[in-house]
Protein backbone atom coordinates (compact mmCIF):
# COMPACT_ATOMS: atom_id res chain seq x y z
CA UNK A 1 112.87 145.64 115.17
CA UNK A 2 114.74 142.44 114.24
CA UNK A 3 115.08 141.59 117.94
CA UNK A 4 111.30 141.58 118.41
CA UNK A 5 109.77 138.19 117.75
CA UNK A 6 106.69 137.80 115.58
CA UNK A 7 103.52 138.44 117.55
CA UNK A 8 101.65 135.47 116.09
CA UNK A 9 99.05 137.93 114.82
CA UNK A 10 100.63 140.13 112.15
CA UNK A 11 104.02 139.23 110.66
CA UNK A 12 106.81 141.81 110.70
CA UNK A 13 106.64 143.91 107.56
CA UNK A 14 109.61 144.54 105.28
CA UNK A 15 108.94 147.82 103.45
CA UNK A 16 111.79 147.52 100.93
CA UNK A 17 110.03 145.38 98.29
CA UNK A 18 107.06 147.78 98.27
CA UNK A 19 108.58 151.27 98.47
CA UNK A 20 108.72 153.34 95.28
CA UNK A 21 107.90 150.38 93.04
CA UNK A 22 105.83 149.74 89.95
CA UNK A 23 103.71 146.60 90.30
CA UNK A 24 101.79 144.85 87.50
CA UNK A 25 98.94 142.53 88.37
CA UNK A 26 96.99 140.35 85.99
CA UNK A 27 93.93 138.85 87.65
CA UNK A 28 95.38 138.91 91.19
CA UNK A 29 92.82 137.06 93.27
CA UNK A 30 91.14 138.60 96.31
CA UNK A 31 87.95 138.16 98.28
CA UNK A 32 85.99 141.33 98.87
CA UNK A 33 83.91 142.39 101.87
CA UNK A 34 82.68 145.66 103.36
CA UNK A 35 83.70 147.46 106.54
CA UNK A 36 81.45 150.04 108.23
CA UNK A 37 83.14 153.30 109.22
CA UNK A 38 82.45 156.66 110.77
CA UNK A 39 84.66 159.33 109.19
CA UNK A 40 87.02 156.54 108.00
CA UNK A 41 87.28 155.05 111.50
CA UNK A 42 86.32 151.38 111.10
CA UNK A 43 83.74 149.82 113.42
CA UNK A 44 83.77 146.18 112.41
CA UNK A 45 87.16 145.65 110.77
CA UNK A 46 88.20 142.86 113.15
CA UNK A 47 84.99 140.88 112.74
CA UNK A 48 85.11 141.25 108.94
CA UNK A 49 88.70 139.98 108.87
CA UNK A 50 87.90 137.05 111.21
CA UNK A 51 84.84 136.05 109.15
CA UNK A 52 86.85 136.04 105.93
CA UNK A 53 89.92 134.35 107.39
CA UNK A 54 87.61 131.53 108.56
CA UNK A 55 86.26 131.20 104.99
CA UNK A 56 89.82 131.12 103.63
CA UNK A 57 90.93 128.50 106.14
CA UNK A 58 87.81 126.37 105.58
CA UNK A 59 88.54 126.37 101.83
CA UNK A 60 92.09 125.14 102.42
CA UNK A 61 93.48 128.39 101.04
CA UNK A 62 95.66 131.10 102.50
CA UNK A 63 96.51 134.78 102.33
CA UNK A 64 99.89 134.27 100.62
CA UNK A 65 101.34 137.75 101.05
CA UNK A 66 99.37 138.79 104.16
CA UNK A 67 97.82 141.52 102.03
CA UNK A 68 94.53 143.22 102.82
CA UNK A 69 93.78 146.25 100.68
CA UNK A 70 91.28 148.87 101.73
CA UNK A 71 89.35 150.97 99.25
CA UNK A 72 88.24 153.91 101.39
CA UNK A 73 85.21 154.61 99.20
CA UNK A 74 83.41 156.94 101.62
CA UNK A 75 83.42 158.39 105.12
CA UNK A 76 80.96 155.65 106.10
CA UNK A 77 82.58 152.52 104.74
CA UNK A 78 85.34 150.83 102.84
CA UNK A 79 85.75 147.74 100.75
CA UNK A 80 88.31 145.26 102.02
CA UNK A 81 90.17 143.04 99.54
CA UNK A 82 92.00 140.06 101.07
CA UNK A 83 94.55 138.36 98.85
CA UNK A 84 93.88 134.62 98.49
CA UNK A 85 95.65 131.65 96.94
CA UNK A 86 92.51 130.28 95.27
CA UNK A 87 88.82 131.07 94.81
CA UNK A 88 86.83 130.79 98.03
CA UNK A 89 83.33 129.23 97.96
CA UNK A 90 80.70 131.51 99.48
CA UNK A 91 82.92 134.59 99.23
CA UNK A 92 82.87 137.54 96.84
CA UNK A 93 85.86 136.49 94.71
CA UNK A 94 87.41 139.39 92.79
CA UNK A 95 90.35 139.72 90.42
CA UNK A 96 92.34 142.92 90.21
CA UNK A 97 94.44 143.76 87.18
CA UNK A 98 96.46 146.85 86.48
CA UNK A 99 99.67 148.76 86.93
CA UNK A 100 100.29 150.37 90.31
CA UNK A 101 102.86 152.71 91.75
CA UNK A 102 103.50 151.95 95.42
CA UNK A 103 104.95 153.95 98.25
CA UNK A 104 105.44 153.00 101.91
CA UNK A 105 104.54 155.40 104.71
CA UNK A 106 105.11 155.05 108.43
CA UNK A 107 103.24 156.68 111.27
CA UNK A 108 99.80 157.23 112.71
CA UNK A 109 96.72 156.43 110.63
CA UNK A 110 95.61 160.03 111.11
CA UNK A 111 98.28 160.94 108.52
CA UNK A 112 96.51 159.03 105.72
CA UNK A 113 95.10 162.19 104.13
CA UNK A 114 98.56 163.74 104.00
CA UNK A 115 100.03 160.50 102.62
CA UNK A 116 97.44 160.34 99.84
CA UNK A 117 98.38 163.89 98.77
CA UNK A 118 102.06 162.91 98.85
CA UNK A 119 101.27 159.80 96.80
CA UNK A 120 99.43 161.88 94.22
CA UNK A 121 102.50 164.14 93.88
CA UNK A 122 104.71 161.05 93.51
CA UNK A 123 102.47 159.68 90.73
CA UNK A 124 102.47 163.05 88.93
CA UNK A 125 106.27 163.22 89.23
CA UNK A 126 106.35 160.00 87.19
CA UNK A 127 104.19 161.63 84.50
CA UNK A 128 101.20 159.45 85.41
CA UNK A 129 97.66 159.96 86.64
CA UNK A 130 96.05 158.18 89.59
CA UNK A 131 92.92 156.22 88.65
CA UNK A 132 92.29 154.52 92.01
CA UNK A 133 93.91 154.26 95.45
CA UNK A 134 94.15 151.22 97.71
CA UNK A 135 95.63 151.29 101.22
CA UNK A 136 97.45 148.31 102.73
CA UNK A 137 97.53 148.60 106.51
CA UNK A 138 100.33 146.07 107.03
CA UNK A 139 99.74 145.39 110.74
CA UNK A 140 96.95 145.83 113.23
CA UNK A 141 97.37 148.68 115.77
CA UNK A 142 98.34 146.24 118.56
CA UNK A 143 101.15 144.66 116.49
CA UNK A 144 102.31 148.05 115.17
CA UNK A 145 102.77 149.15 118.78
CA UNK A 146 104.77 146.01 119.63
CA UNK A 147 106.98 146.30 116.52
CA UNK A 148 107.38 150.05 116.98
CA UNK A 149 106.46 150.76 113.34
CA UNK A 150 103.11 151.34 111.67
CA UNK A 151 103.66 150.85 107.95
CA UNK A 152 101.02 151.65 105.35
CA UNK A 153 101.53 150.95 101.64
CA UNK A 154 99.58 153.04 99.18
CA UNK A 155 98.85 151.48 95.80
CA UNK A 156 98.00 154.02 93.09
CA UNK A 157 96.49 152.45 89.99
CA UNK A 158 97.82 154.30 86.96
């Protein structure tokens, strides 16, 4: 993987800082938007990302950790939270606070249901209870294919 150059789209992902960690956020800033789905398969993910990245760029901000969290709230849609360096005019600015256990998974997106069950067992093994789940799809499908790895980080709010 180190021999493959960055695609210019999604940066290479290093799973080590995110695997089996406890993360504490106090007012971590995101902008929020909605993605339409059919049985969790997104229809307009790319256009939602492009629209919001344009807002971020126009505001002179950035996505400092290349993080986009998905809250898969139903079979028909998800909320997308894009990490930002400052509040973005005209966007739905949101702050997330809490303690999260994280775990990195690798493989096809069709394994997400299995990964969520595994994450729940991991949280329980720590004597905790999951309050909310966010998924971080670290690369787009095209870049995952080029890099040869499709990493997904699950954040379990405890």
